[in-house]
Amino acid sequence: MCKLVYIAANNPLPLIQWQENITTFCVTELTEDEYKVKKQFSKPFIGHLGSYEGCSCGFYIEHDKPGDDEDDKRRDELARESVKQLSAYLSNIVKNGSIEIFACWQGNEEREPVERIIVAPNYFGGEEFGFGDRQFIEVIQG
C-alpha cells in the first residue's frame, strides 16, 4: 500500500514527469482511478505529488536514521532531496494563491480528513518530516 499525496490550486500546476533513477520529485496529472480524490478540494487544478520513488512514500525523513548501511543512507539522501524540491515547488506556485494538499494511504482518497493545518512552504523539510494519513494541508505564502 502506498502513501498518496495530492495537490490542488486555482491555476494549472506545472507538471514534472518522473523518470526512474533521474528525478527525485514529480507532479503528474491524476490517473482515472485517482479522480475520486477531487471531493477533498475546493480548487479545480489537481495533481499527484511523487518523490524519488515515483509514488509519495519517499516524502519521509526520520531524525534518527538513516541507519548504517549504504542503501539506507542513499534512501535518506533521496528522501531529503524529494522534500527539499517539494518545498521549493510550493514556494514558487504559492505566489499565485494558496494551495491545498491531501495526503492519505491508498484506499482513503474519499474519506474525510482527520487533520487540517495551515502552513508555509518551509514546513516541508527539517530533520524529521512525513505526511499523516488523511491530512489536509493548506499552504499559504509565508
Protein backbone atom coordinates (compact mmCIF):
# COMPACT_ATOMS: atom_id res chain seq x y z
CA MET A 1 0.00 0.00 0.00
CA CYS A 2 1.32 3.43 -0.94
CA LYS A 3 1.07 6.86 0.59
CA LEU A 4 -0.62 9.23 -1.86
CA VAL A 5 -0.21 12.99 -1.82
CA TYR A 6 -2.39 15.21 -3.98
CA ILE A 7 -2.14 18.93 -4.67
CA ALA A 8 -4.75 21.44 -5.84
CA ALA A 9 -4.50 25.05 -6.98
CA ASN A 10 -6.57 27.73 -8.67
CA ASN A 11 -4.16 27.79 -11.61
CA PRO A 12 -2.78 24.96 -13.77
CA LEU A 13 0.02 23.13 -11.97
CA PRO A 14 3.44 22.99 -13.60
CA LEU A 15 3.92 19.28 -14.31
CA ILE A 16 7.21 17.48 -13.71
CA GLN A 17 7.37 13.98 -15.12
CA TRP A 18 9.01 11.26 -13.05
CA GLN A 19 11.99 9.48 -14.56
CA GLU A 20 13.31 6.47 -12.70
CA ASN A 21 16.81 6.99 -11.23
CA ILE A 22 16.83 10.58 -12.52
CA THR A 23 14.16 12.69 -10.81
CA THR A 24 13.58 12.97 -7.08
CA PHE A 25 10.35 14.93 -7.36
CA CYS A 26 7.42 14.90 -9.75
CA VAL A 27 3.99 16.41 -10.24
CA THR A 28 1.74 14.42 -12.55
CA GLU A 29 -1.84 14.51 -13.75
CA LEU A 30 -4.37 12.34 -11.97
CA THR A 31 -4.98 8.87 -13.32
CA GLU A 32 -8.56 7.76 -13.90
CA ASP A 33 -8.52 5.86 -10.59
CA GLU A 34 -7.40 8.98 -8.70
CA TYR A 35 -10.27 11.26 -9.75
CA LYS A 36 -12.22 10.22 -6.65
CA VAL A 37 -9.90 12.44 -4.55
CA LYS A 38 -11.40 15.58 -6.16
CA LYS A 39 -14.03 15.74 -3.41
CA GLN A 40 -11.31 16.80 -0.95
CA PHE A 41 -10.51 20.04 -2.75
CA SER A 42 -12.08 23.42 -3.35
CA LYS A 43 -9.58 24.23 -6.11
CA PRO A 44 -10.01 22.99 -9.71
CA PHE A 45 -6.49 22.04 -10.82
CA ILE A 46 -5.39 18.80 -9.14
CA GLY A 47 -2.24 16.73 -9.47
CA HIS A 48 -0.35 13.91 -7.78
CA LEU A 49 2.94 14.57 -5.98
CA GLY A 50 5.66 11.95 -6.28
CA SER A 51 9.00 11.51 -4.56
CA TYR A 52 12.19 9.83 -5.73
CA GLU A 53 10.23 6.56 -5.62
CA GLY A 54 7.68 7.84 -8.15
CA CYS A 55 4.92 7.46 -5.56
CA SER A 56 4.55 9.65 -2.47
CA CYS A 57 6.09 7.17 0.01
CA GLY A 58 9.53 8.78 -0.28
CA PHE A 59 8.43 12.06 1.35
CA TYR A 60 9.52 10.75 4.74
CA ILE A 61 12.53 11.81 6.81
CA GLU A 62 13.45 10.36 10.18
CA HIS A 63 15.81 12.20 12.51
CA ASP A 64 17.43 9.09 13.99
CA LYS A 65 18.02 7.42 10.62
CA PRO A 66 19.43 6.69 8.01
CA GLY A 67 20.97 3.62 9.53
CA ASP A 68 24.33 2.04 8.93
CA ASP A 69 24.16 0.52 5.50
CA GLU A 70 24.76 2.43 2.27
CA ASP A 71 21.28 1.71 0.86
CA ASP A 72 19.63 3.31 3.92
CA LYS A 73 21.92 6.34 3.67
CA ARG A 74 21.15 6.73 -0.03
CA ARG A 75 17.37 6.49 0.56
CA ASP A 76 17.65 9.10 3.31
CA GLU A 77 19.55 11.45 0.95
CA LEU A 78 16.96 10.93 -1.78
CA ALA A 79 14.05 11.50 0.63
CA ARG A 80 15.62 14.73 1.87
CA GLU A 81 16.10 15.89 -1.72
CA SER A 82 12.49 14.98 -2.59
CA VAL A 83 11.16 17.02 0.35
CA LYS A 84 13.53 19.91 -0.47
CA GLN A 85 12.26 20.00 -4.06
CA LEU A 86 8.66 19.81 -2.84
CA SER A 87 9.24 22.84 -0.62
CA ALA A 88 10.85 24.78 -3.49
CA TYR A 89 7.98 23.86 -5.83
CA LEU A 90 5.40 25.01 -3.30
CA SER A 91 7.33 28.25 -2.65
CA ASN A 92 7.13 29.02 -6.34
CA ILE A 93 3.47 28.23 -7.02
CA VAL A 94 2.02 29.63 -3.76
CA LYS A 95 2.86 33.09 -5.15
CA ASN A 96 -0.34 32.71 -7.23
CA GLY A 97 -2.53 31.90 -4.22
CA SER A 98 -2.95 29.28 -1.55
CA ILE A 99 -2.54 25.59 -2.36
CA GLU A 100 -4.34 22.57 -0.94
CA ILE A 101 -2.69 19.23 -0.24
CA PHE A 102 -4.35 15.99 0.81
CA ALA A 103 -2.24 13.03 1.94
CA CYS A 104 -3.64 9.57 2.58
CA TRP A 105 -2.92 5.90 2.35
CA GLN A 106 -4.14 4.29 -0.83
CA GLY A 107 -7.83 3.50 -0.42
CA ASN A 108 -8.56 6.52 1.80
CA GLU A 109 -8.87 9.08 -1.00
CA GLU A 110 -12.59 9.70 -0.35
CA ARG A 111 -12.53 9.59 3.44
CA GLU A 112 -12.78 12.79 5.44
CA PRO A 113 -9.53 14.38 6.67
CA VAL A 114 -8.61 13.70 10.30
CA GLU A 115 -6.29 16.71 10.50
CA ARG A 116 -6.36 20.16 8.91
CA ILE A 117 -3.43 22.53 9.15
CA ILE A 118 -2.28 25.78 7.54
CA VAL A 119 1.44 26.11 6.83
CA ALA A 120 4.04 27.98 4.80
CA PRO A 121 6.24 26.14 2.26
CA ASN A 122 9.14 25.93 4.74
CA TYR A 123 7.04 23.50 6.83
CA PHE A 124 8.14 20.79 4.40
CA GLY A 125 11.59 19.67 5.49
CA GLY A 126 13.79 19.77 8.55
CA GLU A 127 15.30 16.89 10.47
CA GLU A 128 12.03 14.95 10.52
CA PHE A 129 9.13 15.09 8.10
CA GLY A 130 6.26 12.93 6.97
CA PHE A 131 2.68 13.27 5.80
CA GLY A 132 -0.07 11.93 8.03
CA ASP A 133 -2.94 9.75 6.86
CA ARG A 134 -5.91 11.82 5.74
CA GLN A 135 -4.05 15.02 6.43
CA PHE A 136 -5.34 18.16 4.69
CA ILE A 137 -2.82 20.96 4.41
CA GLU A 138 -3.43 24.48 3.17
CA VAL A 139 -0.17 26.09 2.05
CA ILE A 140 -0.03 29.86 2.17
CA GLN A 141 2.72 32.27 1.27
CA GLY A 142 4.98 32.61 4.30
